[in-house]
Amino acid sequence: MAGFGDPRLRTVDAAGLRLGIVGSRWHADLVDHMIERCKAAAEACGVTDVVVARVAGAVELPIVAQSLARRCDAVVALGVVIKGETDHFRYVNDSVTAGLTRVALDEQTPVGHGVLTVQSLGQARDRAGLEDSIEDKGWQSTVAVLDAALTLRELQKS
């Protein structure tokens, strides 16, 4: 999110849904915290069935998200990719975004993109939901993906 135009997502009643969370081990201190914020958001939304998996890096997120999408009503993928001196940043972000989008469409399961794609560690800290952060990507991604799962359930009824 750009920090403006925030839809101010409130919690939703997602009791009975199963949530999958996959997080990378790169920048584990931030991703660990983001996972805890996901769990807190899930609990605030009434979700008690949460499955957490970890992978080495961001590129591995889509394949594990796909496995979770086959078993869960919604999935959140979390990671931190910080721009370096090479184009690696762009390739990783492009493949992760395309992969997570493909998983959501192929499995017809909402996948929250909680991967921070930033220019610096400071920008990542600003978005990781820490006490002094301006954004809480773990919380926001979780509420958004649960909201989407509920919308899909309603659409399937009609």
Protein backbone atom coordinates (compact mmCIF):
# COMPACT_ATOMS: atom_id res chain seq x y z
CA MET A 1 0.00 0.00 0.00
CA ALA A 2 1.15 3.48 -0.69
CA GLY A 3 0.10 4.76 2.72
CA PHE A 4 -2.75 6.77 1.26
CA GLY A 5 -6.13 5.62 0.03
CA ASP A 6 -6.15 2.98 2.78
CA PRO A 7 -9.57 1.29 2.80
CA ARG A 8 -9.38 1.07 6.63
CA LEU A 9 -10.18 -2.60 6.65
CA ARG A 10 -11.95 -3.60 9.78
CA THR A 11 -12.09 -7.09 11.09
CA VAL A 12 -14.55 -9.45 9.46
CA ASP A 13 -16.44 -12.42 10.90
CA ALA A 14 -14.41 -15.26 9.42
CA ALA A 15 -15.18 -17.87 12.08
CA GLY A 16 -14.98 -21.33 10.60
CA LEU A 17 -12.43 -20.43 7.92
CA ARG A 18 -9.01 -22.03 7.79
CA LEU A 19 -6.05 -19.70 7.16
CA GLY A 20 -2.66 -20.67 5.80
CA ILE A 21 0.37 -18.47 6.40
CA VAL A 22 3.68 -18.96 4.64
CA GLY A 23 6.68 -16.82 5.54
CA SER A 24 10.24 -16.65 4.31
CA ARG A 25 13.21 -17.01 6.64
CA TRP A 26 15.10 -14.08 5.09
CA HIS A 27 14.80 -11.10 7.45
CA ALA A 28 13.32 -13.51 9.99
CA ASP A 29 13.02 -10.88 12.72
CA LEU A 30 10.57 -8.89 10.58
CA VAL A 31 8.77 -11.86 9.05
CA ASP A 32 8.37 -13.51 12.47
CA HIS A 33 6.65 -10.36 13.69
CA MET A 34 4.48 -10.18 10.58
CA ILE A 35 3.39 -13.79 11.16
CA GLU A 36 2.40 -12.89 14.72
CA ARG A 37 0.38 -9.94 13.36
CA CYS A 38 -1.33 -12.31 10.89
CA LYS A 39 -2.24 -14.65 13.73
CA ALA A 40 -3.56 -11.73 15.79
CA ALA A 41 -5.68 -10.50 12.87
CA ALA A 42 -7.01 -14.02 12.27
CA GLU A 43 -7.95 -14.33 15.93
CA ALA A 44 -9.64 -10.91 15.86
CA CYS A 45 -11.67 -12.17 12.88
CA GLY A 46 -12.70 -15.36 14.70
CA VAL A 47 -10.35 -17.72 12.87
CA THR A 48 -8.98 -20.45 15.12
CA ASP A 49 -7.62 -22.85 12.48
CA VAL A 50 -4.29 -21.42 11.31
CA VAL A 51 -1.51 -23.36 9.57
CA VAL A 52 1.97 -21.76 9.42
CA ALA A 53 4.77 -22.87 7.11
CA ARG A 54 8.24 -21.41 6.54
CA VAL A 55 10.41 -21.37 3.42
CA ALA A 56 13.94 -20.25 2.70
CA GLY A 57 13.21 -17.18 0.60
CA ALA A 58 10.57 -15.25 -1.30
CA VAL A 59 10.88 -17.30 -4.50
CA GLU A 60 9.72 -20.39 -2.59
CA LEU A 61 6.55 -18.69 -1.31
CA PRO A 62 4.26 -19.47 -4.29
CA ILE A 63 4.74 -23.24 -4.30
CA VAL A 64 4.03 -23.57 -0.59
CA ALA A 65 1.18 -21.06 -0.88
CA GLN A 66 -0.30 -23.37 -3.53
CA SER A 67 -0.11 -26.36 -1.22
CA LEU A 68 -1.78 -24.33 1.53
CA ALA A 69 -4.43 -23.02 -0.90
CA ARG A 70 -5.50 -26.61 -1.54
CA ARG A 71 -6.13 -27.11 2.20
CA CYS A 72 -7.17 -23.65 3.41
CA ASP A 73 -9.88 -21.09 2.65
CA ALA A 74 -7.32 -18.27 2.41
CA VAL A 75 -3.54 -17.89 2.40
CA VAL A 76 -1.16 -15.07 3.32
CA ALA A 77 2.39 -15.03 1.94
CA LEU A 78 4.95 -12.97 3.86
CA GLY A 79 8.49 -11.94 3.11
CA VAL A 80 10.90 -9.06 2.74
CA VAL A 81 12.79 -8.29 -0.47
CA ILE A 82 15.13 -5.31 -0.27
CA LYS A 83 16.58 -3.74 -3.41
CA GLY A 84 20.27 -4.30 -3.84
CA GLU A 85 22.73 -3.24 -6.50
CA THR A 86 21.57 -5.72 -9.16
CA ASP A 87 18.36 -6.54 -11.05
CA HIS A 88 17.81 -9.59 -8.81
CA PHE A 89 15.27 -7.55 -6.80
CA ARG A 90 13.09 -7.02 -9.87
CA TYR A 91 13.19 -10.65 -10.97
CA VAL A 92 12.37 -11.95 -7.50
CA ASN A 93 9.47 -9.53 -7.06
CA ASP A 94 8.08 -10.22 -10.52
CA SER A 95 8.21 -13.99 -10.09
CA VAL A 96 6.76 -13.93 -6.59
CA THR A 97 3.90 -11.64 -7.58
CA ALA A 98 3.11 -13.65 -10.71
CA GLY A 99 3.37 -16.91 -8.78
CA LEU A 100 1.08 -15.82 -5.95
CA THR A 101 -1.45 -14.44 -8.44
CA ARG A 102 -1.38 -17.68 -10.40
CA VAL A 103 -1.91 -19.72 -7.23
CA ALA A 104 -4.94 -17.64 -6.28
CA LEU A 105 -6.48 -17.96 -9.74
CA ASP A 106 -5.62 -21.63 -10.31
CA GLU A 107 -6.78 -22.75 -6.86
CA GLN A 108 -9.64 -20.23 -6.61
CA THR A 109 -8.39 -19.39 -3.14
CA PRO A 110 -7.51 -15.84 -2.08
CA VAL A 111 -3.77 -15.34 -1.53
CA GLY A 112 -2.69 -12.23 0.34
CA HIS A 113 0.52 -10.68 -0.96
CA GLY A 114 2.27 -9.63 2.22
CA VAL A 115 5.74 -9.55 0.70
CA LEU A 116 7.43 -6.23 1.43
CA THR A 117 9.24 -5.06 -1.69
CA VAL A 118 11.24 -2.10 -0.49
CA GLN A 119 14.30 0.03 -1.12
CA SER A 120 15.73 -0.22 2.40
CA LEU A 121 15.53 -2.03 5.72
CA GLY A 122 14.00 1.13 7.19
CA GLN A 123 11.12 0.97 4.70
CA ALA A 124 10.58 -2.69 5.61
CA ARG A 125 10.48 -1.84 9.32
CA ASP A 126 7.95 0.91 8.55
CA ARG A 127 5.59 -1.67 7.03
CA ALA A 128 6.12 -4.69 9.28
CA GLY A 129 3.62 -3.77 11.99
CA LEU A 130 6.20 -2.97 14.63
CA GLU A 131 5.25 -0.60 17.44
CA ASP A 132 6.59 2.41 15.52
CA SER A 133 5.58 1.22 12.00
CA ILE A 134 3.29 3.28 9.79
CA GLU A 135 1.76 0.14 8.24
CA ASP A 136 0.99 -3.38 9.40
CA LYS A 137 1.20 -5.57 6.30
CA GLY A 138 0.64 -8.79 8.25
CA TRP A 139 -2.62 -7.55 9.75
CA GLN A 140 -3.80 -5.82 6.56
CA SER A 141 -3.06 -8.79 4.30
CA THR A 142 -4.86 -11.15 6.64
CA VAL A 143 -8.04 -9.10 6.96
CA ALA A 144 -8.10 -8.46 3.20
CA VAL A 145 -7.68 -12.12 2.30
CA LEU A 146 -10.30 -13.27 4.82
CA ASP A 147 -12.68 -10.65 3.43
CA ALA A 148 -12.08 -12.01 -0.08
CA ALA A 149 -12.68 -15.59 1.09
CA LEU A 150 -16.00 -14.54 2.59
CA THR A 151 -16.95 -12.76 -0.65
CA LEU A 152 -16.17 -15.90 -2.64
CA ARG A 153 -18.34 -17.96 -0.28
CA GLU A 154 -21.23 -15.58 -0.81
CA LEU A 155 -20.79 -15.68 -4.59
CA GLN A 156 -20.76 -19.48 -4.57
CA LYS A 157 -24.16 -19.48 -2.84
CA SER A 158 -25.80 -17.56 -5.68
